[in-house]
Amino acid sequence: RLDSQAIALYENGQRLRTVPIALLERIIIRADTQVSSSLLANLADAGV
């Protein structure tokens, strides 16, 4: 999920951690993962 300018990672409804979008160049997903559309839009805007 998008949390301000960071990615919030959740598992079973519990928040695990956040990762600032500014630190990322790419995200590689290799498992069944849900991604919010607002997060995808912000990642595109940031060039991730």
All heavy atoms as atom14 arrays in JSON, in Angstrom:
{
  "sequence": "RLDSQAIALYENGQRLRTVPIALLERIIIRADTQVSSSLLANLADAGV",
  "atom14_mask": [
    [1, 1, 1, 1, 1, 1, 1, 1, 1, 1, 1, 0, 0, 0],
    [1, 1, 1, 1, 1, 1, 1, 1, 0, 0, 0, 0, 0, 0],
    [1, 1, 1, 1, 1, 1, 1, 1, 0, 0, 0, 0, 0, 0],
    [1, 1, 1, 1, 1, 1, 0, 0, 0, 0, 0, 0, 0, 0],
    [1, 1, 1, 1, 1, 1, 1, 1, 1, 0, 0, 0, 0, 0],
    [1, 1, 1, 1, 1, 0, 0, 0, 0, 0, 0, 0, 0, 0],
    [1, 1, 1, 1, 1, 1, 1, 1, 0, 0, 0, 0, 0, 0],
    [1, 1, 1, 1, 1, 0, 0, 0, 0, 0, 0, 0, 0, 0],
    [1, 1, 1, 1, 1, 1, 1, 1, 0, 0, 0, 0, 0, 0],
    [1, 1, 1, 1, 1, 1, 1, 1, 1, 1, 1, 1, 0, 0],
    [1, 1, 1, 1, 1, 1, 1, 1, 1, 0, 0, 0, 0, 0],
    [1, 1, 1, 1, 1, 1, 1, 1, 0, 0, 0, 0, 0, 0],
    [1, 1, 1, 1, 0, 0, 0, 0, 0, 0, 0, 0, 0, 0],
    [1, 1, 1, 1, 1, 1, 1, 1, 1, 0, 0, 0, 0, 0],
    [1, 1, 1, 1, 1, 1, 1, 1, 1, 1, 1, 0, 0, 0],
    [1, 1, 1, 1, 1, 1, 1, 1, 0, 0, 0, 0, 0, 0],
    [1, 1, 1, 1, 1, 1, 1, 1, 1, 1, 1, 0, 0, 0],
    [1, 1, 1, 1, 1, 1, 1, 0, 0, 0, 0, 0, 0, 0],
    [1, 1, 1, 1, 1, 1, 1, 0, 0, 0, 0, 0, 0, 0],
    [1, 1, 1, 1, 1, 1, 1, 0, 0, 0, 0, 0, 0, 0],
    [1, 1, 1, 1, 1, 1, 1, 1, 0, 0, 0, 0, 0, 0],
    [1, 1, 1, 1, 1, 0, 0, 0, 0, 0, 0, 0, 0, 0],
    [1, 1, 1, 1, 1, 1, 1, 1, 0, 0, 0, 0, 0, 0],
    [1, 1, 1, 1, 1, 1, 1, 1, 0, 0, 0, 0, 0, 0],
    [1, 1, 1, 1, 1, 1, 1, 1, 1, 0, 0, 0, 0, 0],
    [1, 1, 1, 1, 1, 1, 1, 1, 1, 1, 1, 0, 0, 0],
    [1, 1, 1, 1, 1, 1, 1, 1, 0, 0, 0, 0, 0, 0],
    [1, 1, 1, 1, 1, 1, 1, 1, 0, 0, 0, 0, 0, 0],
    [1, 1, 1, 1, 1, 1, 1, 1, 0, 0, 0, 0, 0, 0],
    [1, 1, 1, 1, 1, 1, 1, 1, 1, 1, 1, 0, 0, 0],
    [1, 1, 1, 1, 1, 0, 0, 0, 0, 0, 0, 0, 0, 0],
    [1, 1, 1, 1, 1, 1, 1, 1, 0, 0, 0, 0, 0, 0],
    [1, 1, 1, 1, 1, 1, 1, 0, 0, 0, 0, 0, 0, 0],
    [1, 1, 1, 1, 1, 1, 1, 1, 1, 0, 0, 0, 0, 0],
    [1, 1, 1, 1, 1, 1, 1, 0, 0, 0, 0, 0, 0, 0],
    [1, 1, 1, 1, 1, 1, 0, 0, 0, 0, 0, 0, 0, 0],
    [1, 1, 1, 1, 1, 1, 0, 0, 0, 0, 0, 0, 0, 0],
    [1, 1, 1, 1, 1, 1, 0, 0, 0, 0, 0, 0, 0, 0],
    [1, 1, 1, 1, 1, 1, 1, 1, 0, 0, 0, 0, 0, 0],
    [1, 1, 1, 1, 1, 1, 1, 1, 0, 0, 0, 0, 0, 0],
    [1, 1, 1, 1, 1, 0, 0, 0, 0, 0, 0, 0, 0, 0],
    [1, 1, 1, 1, 1, 1, 1, 1, 0, 0, 0, 0, 0, 0],
    [1, 1, 1, 1, 1, 1, 1, 1, 0, 0, 0, 0, 0, 0],
    [1, 1, 1, 1, 1, 0, 0, 0, 0, 0, 0, 0, 0, 0],
    [1, 1, 1, 1, 1, 1, 1, 1, 0, 0, 0, 0, 0, 0],
    [1, 1, 1, 1, 1, 0, 0, 0, 0, 0, 0, 0, 0, 0],
    [1, 1, 1, 1, 0, 0, 0, 0, 0, 0, 0, 0, 0, 0],
    [1, 1, 1, 1, 1, 1, 1, 0, 0, 0, 0, 0, 0, 0]
  ],
  "atom14_positions": [
    [[0.84, -1.19, 0.0], [0.0, 0.0, 0.0], [0.88, 1.25, 0.0], [2.03, 1.2, 0.47], [-0.88, 0.05, 1.24], [-1.82, -1.12, 1.39], [-2.63, -0.94, 2.66], [-3.29, -2.18, 3.06], [-3.86, -2.37, 4.22], [-3.86, -1.41, 5.13], [-4.44, -3.52, 4.51], [0.0, 0.0, 0.0], [0.0, 0.0, 0.0], [0.0, 0.0, 0.0]],
    [[0.32, 2.33, -0.47], [1.01, 3.61, -0.44], [0.81, 4.24, 0.93], [-0.3, 4.3, 1.46], [0.45, 4.53, -1.52], [1.07, 5.92, -1.61], [2.54, 5.82, -1.98], [0.31, 6.76, -2.61], [0.0, 0.0, 0.0], [0.0, 0.0, 0.0], [0.0, 0.0, 0.0], [0.0, 0.0, 0.0], [0.0, 0.0, 0.0], [0.0, 0.0, 0.0]],
    [[1.9, 4.7, 1.53], [1.86, 5.41, 2.8], [2.72, 6.66, 2.66], [3.94, 6.58, 2.81], [2.36, 4.53, 3.93], [2.33, 5.22, 5.28], [1.73, 6.31, 5.39], [2.91, 4.68, 6.24], [0.0, 0.0, 0.0], [0.0, 0.0, 0.0], [0.0, 0.0, 0.0], [0.0, 0.0, 0.0], [0.0, 0.0, 0.0], [0.0, 0.0, 0.0]],
    [[2.08, 7.77, 2.29], [2.79, 9.02, 1.99], [3.75, 8.75, 0.83], [3.3, 8.41, -0.25], [3.49, 9.54, 3.24], [4.03, 10.8, 2.99], [0.0, 0.0, 0.0], [0.0, 0.0, 0.0], [0.0, 0.0, 0.0], [0.0, 0.0, 0.0], [0.0, 0.0, 0.0], [0.0, 0.0, 0.0], [0.0, 0.0, 0.0], [0.0, 0.0, 0.0]],
    [[5.03, 8.85, 1.03], [6.02, 8.6, -0.02], [6.79, 7.31, 0.26], [7.99, 7.21, -0.02], [6.97, 9.79, -0.16], [6.31, 11.02, -0.72], [5.71, 10.77, -2.1], [6.37, 10.24, -2.99], [4.45, 11.13, -2.28], [0.0, 0.0, 0.0], [0.0, 0.0, 0.0], [0.0, 0.0, 0.0], [0.0, 0.0, 0.0], [0.0, 0.0, 0.0]],
    [[6.09, 6.33, 0.8], [6.71, 5.05, 1.14], [5.77, 3.9, 0.77], [4.56, 4.08, 0.61], [7.04, 4.98, 2.62], [0.0, 0.0, 0.0], [0.0, 0.0, 0.0], [0.0, 0.0, 0.0], [0.0, 0.0, 0.0], [0.0, 0.0, 0.0], [0.0, 0.0, 0.0], [0.0, 0.0, 0.0], [0.0, 0.0, 0.0], [0.0, 0.0, 0.0]],
    [[6.35, 2.72, 0.65], [5.59, 1.49, 0.44], [5.4, 0.84, 1.81], [6.38, 0.62, 2.53], [6.36, 0.51, -0.48], [6.59, 1.14, -1.84], [5.61, -0.81, -0.6], [7.53, 0.33, -2.71], [0.0, 0.0, 0.0], [0.0, 0.0, 0.0], [0.0, 0.0, 0.0], [0.0, 0.0, 0.0], [0.0, 0.0, 0.0], [0.0, 0.0, 0.0]],
    [[4.16, 0.57, 2.15], [3.86, -0.14, 3.39], [3.59, -1.6, 3.04], [2.76, -1.89, 2.19], [2.66, 0.48, 4.09], [0.0, 0.0, 0.0], [0.0, 0.0, 0.0], [0.0, 0.0, 0.0], [0.0, 0.0, 0.0], [0.0, 0.0, 0.0], [0.0, 0.0, 0.0], [0.0, 0.0, 0.0], [0.0, 0.0, 0.0], [0.0, 0.0, 0.0]],
    [[4.31, -2.5, 3.68], [4.14, -3.93, 3.45], [3.29, -4.53, 4.56], [3.6, -4.35, 5.75], [5.5, -4.63, 3.42], [6.34, -4.45, 2.18], [7.06, -3.12, 2.22], [7.33, -5.57, 2.05], [0.0, 0.0, 0.0], [0.0, 0.0, 0.0], [0.0, 0.0, 0.0], [0.0, 0.0, 0.0], [0.0, 0.0, 0.0], [0.0, 0.0, 0.0]],
    [[2.24, -5.25, 4.15], [1.32, -5.9, 5.1], [1.29, -7.39, 4.83], [1.36, -7.83, 3.69], [-0.1, -5.36, 4.93], [-0.29, -3.95, 5.44], [0.09, -2.86, 4.68], [-0.87, -3.74, 6.69], [-0.09, -1.57, 5.15], [-1.07, -2.46, 7.16], [-0.68, -1.37, 6.39], [-0.86, -0.1, 6.85], [0.0, 0.0, 0.0], [0.0, 0.0, 0.0]],
    [[1.15, -8.15, 5.91], [0.96, -9.6, 5.82], [-0.14, -9.97, 6.8], [-0.05, -9.63, 7.99], [2.25, -10.35, 6.15], [2.13, -11.85, 5.98], [3.44, -12.55, 6.24], [4.2, -12.1, 7.11], [3.7, -13.55, 5.57], [0.0, 0.0, 0.0], [0.0, 0.0, 0.0], [0.0, 0.0, 0.0], [0.0, 0.0, 0.0], [0.0, 0.0, 0.0]],
    [[-1.18, -10.64, 6.3], [-2.32, -11.03, 7.13], [-2.91, -9.83, 7.87], [-3.27, -9.93, 9.05], [-1.94, -12.13, 8.12], [-1.49, -13.39, 7.41], [-2.05, -13.78, 6.4], [-0.45, -14.02, 7.93], [0.0, 0.0, 0.0], [0.0, 0.0, 0.0], [0.0, 0.0, 0.0], [0.0, 0.0, 0.0], [0.0, 0.0, 0.0], [0.0, 0.0, 0.0]],
    [[-2.96, -8.68, 7.21], [-3.54, -7.49, 7.81], [-2.64, -6.74, 8.76], [-3.01, -5.68, 9.27], [0.0, 0.0, 0.0], [0.0, 0.0, 0.0], [0.0, 0.0, 0.0], [0.0, 0.0, 0.0], [0.0, 0.0, 0.0], [0.0, 0.0, 0.0], [0.0, 0.0, 0.0], [0.0, 0.0, 0.0], [0.0, 0.0, 0.0], [0.0, 0.0, 0.0]],
    [[-1.46, -7.27, 9.04], [-0.54, -6.61, 9.96], [0.59, -5.94, 9.19], [1.2, -6.55, 8.3], [0.05, -7.62, 10.95], [-0.95, -8.16, 11.94], [-0.27, -8.91, 13.05], [0.6, -9.73, 12.8], [-0.67, -8.63, 14.28], [0.0, 0.0, 0.0], [0.0, 0.0, 0.0], [0.0, 0.0, 0.0], [0.0, 0.0, 0.0], [0.0, 0.0, 0.0]],
    [[0.86, -4.72, 9.57], [1.91, -3.94, 8.92], [3.28, -4.47, 9.36], [3.57, -4.55, 10.56], [1.76, -2.48, 9.31], [2.68, -1.56, 8.58], [2.36, -0.15, 9.04], [3.23, 0.78, 8.41], [2.83, 1.9, 7.85], [1.56, 2.22, 7.87], [3.68, 2.71, 7.31], [0.0, 0.0, 0.0], [0.0, 0.0, 0.0], [0.0, 0.0, 0.0]],
    [[4.11, -4.83, 8.37], [5.44, -5.35, 8.67], [6.49, -4.25, 8.72], [7.3, -4.19, 9.63], [5.86, -6.38, 7.62], [4.98, -7.61, 7.47], [5.47, -8.47, 6.33], [4.97, -8.39, 8.78], [0.0, 0.0, 0.0], [0.0, 0.0, 0.0], [0.0, 0.0, 0.0], [0.0, 0.0, 0.0], [0.0, 0.0, 0.0], [0.0, 0.0, 0.0]],
    [[6.49, -3.38, 7.69], [7.49, -2.31, 7.59], [7.14, -1.38, 6.46], [6.22, -1.64, 5.7], [8.89, -2.88, 7.38], [9.05, -3.58, 6.03], [10.35, -4.31, 5.89], [10.27, -5.42, 6.82], [11.3, -6.04, 7.34], [12.5, -5.7, 7.02], [11.16, -7.02, 8.2], [0.0, 0.0, 0.0], [0.0, 0.0, 0.0], [0.0, 0.0, 0.0]],
    [[7.92, -0.31, 6.33], [7.79, 0.6, 5.2], [9.14, 0.76, 4.52], [10.19, 0.61, 5.15], [7.27, 1.99, 5.63], [8.19, 2.56, 6.55], [5.9, 1.9, 6.25], [0.0, 0.0, 0.0], [0.0, 0.0, 0.0], [0.0, 0.0, 0.0], [0.0, 0.0, 0.0], [0.0, 0.0, 0.0], [0.0, 0.0, 0.0], [0.0, 0.0, 0.0]],
    [[9.08, 1.07, 3.23], [10.29, 1.31, 2.44], [10.07, 2.62, 1.68], [9.11, 2.73, 0.91], [10.55, 0.16, 1.44], [11.78, 0.44, 0.61], [10.66, -1.16, 2.16], [0.0, 0.0, 0.0], [0.0, 0.0, 0.0], [0.0, 0.0, 0.0], [0.0, 0.0, 0.0], [0.0, 0.0, 0.0], [0.0, 0.0, 0.0], [0.0, 0.0, 0.0]],
    [[10.93, 3.62, 1.88], [10.78, 4.88, 1.15], [10.93, 4.67, -0.36], [11.87, 4.02, -0.82], [11.92, 5.75, 1.68], [12.29, 5.14, 3.0], [12.02, 3.67, 2.85], [0.0, 0.0, 0.0], [0.0, 0.0, 0.0], [0.0, 0.0, 0.0], [0.0, 0.0, 0.0], [0.0, 0.0, 0.0], [0.0, 0.0, 0.0], [0.0, 0.0, 0.0]],
    [[9.99, 5.21, -1.12], [10.02, 5.07, -2.58], [11.28, 5.71, -3.17], [11.85, 5.2, -4.13], [8.75, 5.66, -3.2], [7.54, 4.79, -2.79], [8.84, 5.76, -4.72], [6.19, 5.37, -3.2], [0.0, 0.0, 0.0], [0.0, 0.0, 0.0], [0.0, 0.0, 0.0], [0.0, 0.0, 0.0], [0.0, 0.0, 0.0], [0.0, 0.0, 0.0]],
    [[11.74, 6.79, -2.57], [12.92, 7.51, -3.07], [14.18, 6.65, -3.09], [15.12, 6.94, -3.84], [13.16, 8.76, -2.25], [0.0, 0.0, 0.0], [0.0, 0.0, 0.0], [0.0, 0.0, 0.0], [0.0, 0.0, 0.0], [0.0, 0.0, 0.0], [0.0, 0.0, 0.0], [0.0, 0.0, 0.0], [0.0, 0.0, 0.0], [0.0, 0.0, 0.0]],
    [[14.22, 5.58, -2.31], [15.4, 4.71, -2.25], [15.39, 3.63, -3.33], [16.37, 2.89, -3.45], [15.49, 4.04, -0.88], [15.66, 4.96, 0.33], [15.69, 4.15, 1.6], [16.91, 5.81, 0.18], [0.0, 0.0, 0.0], [0.0, 0.0, 0.0], [0.0, 0.0, 0.0], [0.0, 0.0, 0.0], [0.0, 0.0, 0.0], [0.0, 0.0, 0.0]],
    [[14.28, 3.52, -4.09], [14.13, 2.39, -5.0], [14.33, 2.76, -6.45], [13.92, 3.83, -6.9], [12.73, 1.78, -4.82], [12.45, 1.18, -3.46], [11.0, 0.77, -3.36], [13.36, 0.0, -3.19], [0.0, 0.0, 0.0], [0.0, 0.0, 0.0], [0.0, 0.0, 0.0], [0.0, 0.0, 0.0], [0.0, 0.0, 0.0], [0.0, 0.0, 0.0]],
    [[14.92, 1.82, -7.18], [15.03, 1.9, -8.63], [14.07, 0.91, -9.28], [13.55, 1.14, -10.35], [16.47, 1.59, -9.05], [16.73, 1.72, -10.52], [18.19, 1.48, -10.85], [19.05, 1.69, -10.0], [18.45, 1.06, -11.99], [0.0, 0.0, 0.0], [0.0, 0.0, 0.0], [0.0, 0.0, 0.0], [0.0, 0.0, 0.0], [0.0, 0.0, 0.0]],
    [[13.88, -0.23, -8.59], [13.0, -1.27, -9.13], [12.45, -2.12, -8.0], [13.05, -2.22, -6.93], [13.73, -2.13, -10.14], [14.72, -3.1, -9.56], [15.56, -3.84, -10.59], [16.35, -3.0, -11.44], [17.53, -2.48, -11.12], [18.06, -2.74, -9.94], [18.19, -1.73, -11.96], [0.0, 0.0, 0.0], [0.0, 0.0, 0.0], [0.0, 0.0, 0.0]],
    [[11.29, -2.76, -8.3], [10.69, -3.74, -7.4], [10.5, -5.01, -8.21], [9.95, -4.98, -9.31], [9.34, -3.26, -6.86], [9.52, -1.98, -6.05], [8.68, -4.34, -6.01], [8.2, -1.36, -5.62], [0.0, 0.0, 0.0], [0.0, 0.0, 0.0], [0.0, 0.0, 0.0], [0.0, 0.0, 0.0], [0.0, 0.0, 0.0], [0.0, 0.0, 0.0]],
    [[10.95, -6.13, -7.67], [10.76, -7.43, -8.31], [9.81, -8.24, -7.45], [10.06, -8.45, -6.26], [12.11, -8.17, -8.47], [13.06, -7.33, -9.32], [11.88, -9.56, -9.09], [14.47, -7.87, -9.37], [0.0, 0.0, 0.0], [0.0, 0.0, 0.0], [0.0, 0.0, 0.0], [0.0, 0.0, 0.0], [0.0, 0.0, 0.0], [0.0, 0.0, 0.0]],
    [[8.71, -8.68, -8.06], [7.69, -9.45, -7.34], [7.7, -10.87, -7.88], [7.51, -11.09, -9.07], [6.3, -8.81, -7.51], [6.31, -7.39, -6.94], [5.24, -9.67, -6.83], [5.04, -6.62, -7.21], [0.0, 0.0, 0.0], [0.0, 0.0, 0.0], [0.0, 0.0, 0.0], [0.0, 0.0, 0.0], [0.0, 0.0, 0.0], [0.0, 0.0, 0.0]],
    [[7.92, -11.83, -6.99], [7.97, -13.23, -7.39], [7.06, -14.1, -6.51], [7.39, -15.23, -6.16], [9.4, -13.74, -7.33], [9.56, -15.1, -7.96], [10.97, -15.61, -7.85], [11.01, -17.0, -8.16], [11.25, -17.51, -9.35], [11.52, -16.72, -10.34], [11.25, -18.8, -9.54], [0.0, 0.0, 0.0], [0.0, 0.0, 0.0], [0.0, 0.0, 0.0]],
    [[5.95, -13.55, -6.11], [4.99, -14.3, -5.3], [3.63, -13.64, -5.45], [3.52, -12.53, -5.98], [5.42, -14.3, -3.84], [0.0, 0.0, 0.0], [0.0, 0.0, 0.0], [0.0, 0.0, 0.0], [0.0, 0.0, 0.0], [0.0, 0.0, 0.0], [0.0, 0.0, 0.0], [0.0, 0.0, 0.0], [0.0, 0.0, 0.0], [0.0, 0.0, 0.0]],
    [[2.61, -14.31, -4.98], [1.26, -13.77, -5.04], [1.18, -12.55, -4.13], [1.23, -12.68, -2.91], [0.27, -14.84, -4.6], [-1.17, -14.43, -4.78], [-1.42, -13.51, -5.58], [-2.03, -15.03, -4.13], [0.0, 0.0, 0.0], [0.0, 0.0, 0.0], [0.0, 0.0, 0.0], [0.0, 0.0, 0.0], [0.0, 0.0, 0.0], [0.0, 0.0, 0.0]],
    [[1.1, -11.36, -4.72], [1.16, -10.1, -3.98], [0.07, -9.16, -4.48], [-0.16, -9.05, -5.68], [2.54, -9.43, -4.18], [3.55, -10.34, -3.76], [2.65, -8.15, -3.41], [0.0, 0.0, 0.0], [0.0, 0.0, 0.0], [0.0, 0.0, 0.0], [0.0, 0.0, 0.0], [0.0, 0.0, 0.0], [0.0, 0.0, 0.0], [0.0, 0.0, 0.0]],
    [[-0.58, -8.45, -3.56], [-1.57, -7.44, -3.93], [-0.9, -6.07, -3.89], [-0.17, -5.76, -2.94], [-2.73, -7.44, -2.95], [-3.57, -8.68, -2.99], [-4.74, -8.6, -2.02], [-5.06, -7.55, -1.5], [-5.37, -9.73, -1.78], [0.0, 0.0, 0.0], [0.0, 0.0, 0.0], [0.0, 0.0, 0.0], [0.0, 0.0, 0.0], [0.0, 0.0, 0.0]],
    [[-1.15, -5.28, -4.94], [-0.56, -3.94, -5.03], [-1.69, -2.96, -5.32], [-2.46, -3.16, -6.26], [0.5, -3.88, -6.15], [1.15, -2.51, -6.19], [1.54, -4.98, -5.99], [0.0, 0.0, 0.0], [0.0, 0.0, 0.0], [0.0, 0.0, 0.0], [0.0, 0.0, 0.0], [0.0, 0.0, 0.0], [0.0, 0.0, 0.0], [0.0, 0.0, 0.0]],
    [[-1.77, -1.88, -4.54], [-2.82, -0.89, -4.76], [-2.52, -0.07, -6.01], [-1.35, 0.16, -6.36], [-2.97, 0.02, -3.55], [-1.87, 0.91, -3.45], [0.0, 0.0, 0.0], [0.0, 0.0, 0.0], [0.0, 0.0, 0.0], [0.0, 0.0, 0.0], [0.0, 0.0, 0.0], [0.0, 0.0, 0.0], [0.0, 0.0, 0.0], [0.0, 0.0, 0.0]],
    [[-3.56, 0.39, -6.67], [-3.38, 1.19, -7.89], [-2.74, 2.53, -7.58], [-1.96, 3.05, -8.38], [-4.72, 1.37, -8.6], [-5.64, 1.99, -7.75], [0.0, 0.0, 0.0], [0.0, 0.0, 0.0], [0.0, 0.0, 0.0], [0.0, 0.0, 0.0], [0.0, 0.0, 0.0], [0.0, 0.0, 0.0], [0.0, 0.0, 0.0], [0.0, 0.0, 0.0]],
    [[-3.02, 3.1, -6.42], [-2.39, 4.37, -6.06], [-0.89, 4.2, -5.87], [-0.1, 5.08, -6.23], [-3.03, 4.96, -4.8], [-2.92, 4.08, -3.72], [0.0, 0.0, 0.0], [0.0, 0.0, 0.0], [0.0, 0.0, 0.0], [0.0, 0.0, 0.0], [0.0, 0.0, 0.0], [0.0, 0.0, 0.0], [0.0, 0.0, 0.0], [0.0, 0.0, 0.0]],
    [[-0.47, 3.07, -5.34], [0.96, 2.8, -5.22], [1.6, 2.65, -6.59], [2.66, 3.22, -6.84], [1.2, 1.54, -4.37], [2.67, 1.09, -4.29], [3.54, 2.18, -3.7], [2.78, -0.19, -3.5], [0.0, 0.0, 0.0], [0.0, 0.0, 0.0], [0.0, 0.0, 0.0], [0.0, 0.0, 0.0], [0.0, 0.0, 0.0], [0.0, 0.0, 0.0]],
    [[0.96, 1.92, -7.48], [1.51, 1.75, -8.83], [1.67, 3.1, -9.54], [2.68, 3.35, -10.2], [0.64, 0.82, -9.66], [0.71, -0.66, -9.31], [-0.31, -1.44, -10.13], [2.11, -1.21, -9.54], [0.0, 0.0, 0.0], [0.0, 0.0, 0.0], [0.0, 0.0, 0.0], [0.0, 0.0, 0.0], [0.0, 0.0, 0.0], [0.0, 0.0, 0.0]],
    [[0.7, 3.98, -9.38], [0.77, 5.31, -9.99], [1.94, 6.11, -9.43], [2.69, 6.75, -10.19], [-0.54, 6.05, -9.78], [0.0, 0.0, 0.0], [0.0, 0.0, 0.0], [0.0, 0.0, 0.0], [0.0, 0.0, 0.0], [0.0, 0.0, 0.0], [0.0, 0.0, 0.0], [0.0, 0.0, 0.0], [0.0, 0.0, 0.0], [0.0, 0.0, 0.0]],
    [[2.13, 6.06, -8.12], [3.25, 6.78, -7.52], [4.6, 6.19, -7.9], [5.57, 6.93, -8.07], [3.1, 6.84, -6.0], [2.21, 7.97, -5.56], [2.16, 9.02, -6.2], [1.48, 7.77, -4.49], [0.0, 0.0, 0.0], [0.0, 0.0, 0.0], [0.0, 0.0, 0.0], [0.0, 0.0, 0.0], [0.0, 0.0, 0.0], [0.0, 0.0, 0.0]],
    [[4.67, 4.88, -8.03], [5.91, 4.25, -8.47], [6.25, 4.69, -9.9], [7.4, 4.99, -10.21], [5.8, 2.73, -8.39], [5.73, 2.14, -6.98], [5.42, 0.64, -7.04], [7.02, 2.4, -6.22], [0.0, 0.0, 0.0], [0.0, 0.0, 0.0], [0.0, 0.0, 0.0], [0.0, 0.0, 0.0], [0.0, 0.0, 0.0], [0.0, 0.0, 0.0]],
    [[5.24, 4.74, -10.76], [5.45, 5.19, -12.14], [5.93, 6.64, -12.16], [6.87, 6.98, -12.88], [4.17, 5.03, -12.95], [0.0, 0.0, 0.0], [0.0, 0.0, 0.0], [0.0, 0.0, 0.0], [0.0, 0.0, 0.0], [0.0, 0.0, 0.0], [0.0, 0.0, 0.0], [0.0, 0.0, 0.0], [0.0, 0.0, 0.0], [0.0, 0.0, 0.0]],
    [[5.3, 7.49, -11.36], [5.71, 8.9, -11.29], [7.15, 9.06, -10.81], [7.86, 9.96, -11.24], [4.78, 9.68, -10.37], [3.4, 9.9, -10.96], [3.23, 9.71, -12.2], [2.48, 10.25, -10.19], [0.0, 0.0, 0.0], [0.0, 0.0, 0.0], [0.0, 0.0, 0.0], [0.0, 0.0, 0.0], [0.0, 0.0, 0.0], [0.0, 0.0, 0.0]],
    [[7.58, 8.16, -9.92], [8.93, 8.22, -9.36], [9.96, 7.52, -10.25], [11.14, 7.53, -9.95], [8.94, 7.6, -7.97], [0.0, 0.0, 0.0], [0.0, 0.0, 0.0], [0.0, 0.0, 0.0], [0.0, 0.0, 0.0], [0.0, 0.0, 0.0], [0.0, 0.0, 0.0], [0.0, 0.0, 0.0], [0.0, 0.0, 0.0], [0.0, 0.0, 0.0]],
    [[9.49, 6.88, -11.33], [10.41, 6.18, -12.23], [10.88, 4.84, -11.72], [11.92, 4.34, -12.14], [0.0, 0.0, 0.0], [0.0, 0.0, 0.0], [0.0, 0.0, 0.0], [0.0, 0.0, 0.0], [0.0, 0.0, 0.0], [0.0, 0.0, 0.0], [0.0, 0.0, 0.0], [0.0, 0.0, 0.0], [0.0, 0.0, 0.0], [0.0, 0.0, 0.0]],
    [[10.12, 4.24, -10.81], [10.47, 2.93, -10.24], [9.87, 1.84, -11.12], [8.66, 1.81, -11.34], [9.96, 2.79, -8.79], [10.28, 1.41, -8.24], [10.57, 3.87, -7.91], [0.0, 0.0, 0.0], [0.0, 0.0, 0.0], [0.0, 0.0, 0.0], [0.0, 0.0, 0.0], [0.0, 0.0, 0.0], [0.0, 0.0, 0.0], [0.0, 0.0, 0.0]]
  ]
}
